[in-house]
Protein backbone atom coordinates (compact mmCIF):
# COMPACT_ATOMS: atom_id res chain seq x y z
CA MET A 1 -42.56 38.02 -44.04
CA LYS A 2 -41.53 41.03 -46.21
CA ALA A 3 -42.64 43.39 -43.52
CA LEU A 4 -40.73 41.60 -40.78
CA ALA A 5 -37.59 41.36 -42.95
CA ALA A 6 -37.93 45.14 -43.70
CA MET A 7 -38.18 45.85 -39.92
CA GLY A 8 -34.88 44.10 -39.33
CA LEU A 9 -33.87 44.18 -35.68
CA HIS A 10 -37.18 45.80 -34.58
CA ALA A 11 -38.85 42.46 -35.51
CA GLN A 12 -36.91 40.47 -32.96
CA PRO A 13 -39.99 39.75 -30.86
CA MET A 14 -41.24 37.64 -33.76
CA ILE A 15 -38.26 35.22 -33.68
CA PRO A 16 -39.97 32.71 -31.41
CA ALA A 17 -42.98 32.52 -33.80
CA LEU A 18 -40.58 32.09 -36.79
CA ASP A 19 -38.68 29.42 -34.93
CA ARG A 20 -41.87 27.50 -34.25
CA LEU A 21 -42.85 27.65 -37.88
CA ILE A 22 -39.27 26.65 -39.01
CA GLY A 23 -39.02 23.77 -36.52
CA SER A 24 -42.51 22.43 -36.88
CA ARG A 25 -42.87 18.93 -38.31
CA HIS A 26 -46.36 19.96 -39.42
CA ARG A 27 -46.51 22.72 -41.94
CA VAL A 28 -49.04 25.46 -42.55
CA ALA A 29 -51.94 23.99 -44.56
CA VAL A 30 -51.98 25.15 -48.16
CA TYR A 31 -54.69 23.80 -50.35
CA LEU A 32 -53.86 24.36 -54.11
CA GLY A 33 -55.57 21.23 -55.48
CA ASP A 34 -52.27 19.75 -56.47
CA VAL A 35 -50.07 17.83 -54.11
CA ASP A 36 -46.90 18.78 -55.89
CA ALA A 37 -47.78 22.52 -55.89
CA GLU A 38 -48.67 22.26 -52.20
CA MET A 39 -45.24 20.74 -51.43
CA ARG A 40 -43.49 23.47 -53.45
CA ALA A 41 -45.48 26.15 -51.56
CA ASP A 42 -44.62 24.60 -48.21
CA GLU A 43 -40.88 24.52 -49.19
CA GLN A 44 -41.09 28.07 -50.34
CA LEU A 45 -42.66 29.20 -47.09
CA LEU A 46 -39.99 27.43 -45.07
CA GLN A 47 -37.16 29.12 -47.16
CA LEU A 48 -38.91 32.45 -46.78
CA ALA A 49 -39.17 32.02 -42.95
CA LEU A 50 -35.46 31.06 -42.77
CA ALA A 51 -34.47 34.12 -44.84
CA THR A 52 -36.58 36.34 -42.83
CA ARG A 53 -35.20 35.06 -39.57
CA THR A 54 -31.68 35.68 -40.92
CA LYS A 55 -32.47 39.24 -41.93
CA ILE A 56 -34.02 39.96 -38.50
CA THR A 57 -31.01 38.56 -36.69
CA ALA A 58 -28.37 40.15 -38.94
CA SER A 59 -26.47 42.99 -37.40
CA PRO A 60 -26.82 46.33 -39.06
CA THR A 61 -24.24 47.28 -41.61
């Protein structure tokens, strides 16, 4: 996600993949051995995907 965010507008071909990740009712499987930690990791991944999508679609300043 850091690389995509750094690429900015050049990462636009990845928008459909990010949209699928963001809109999915089923999250990426994360096995940390603790249900609460897994939920937090899932929420962090979603927030990171949303922030990355915003950075990709933001017009250059």
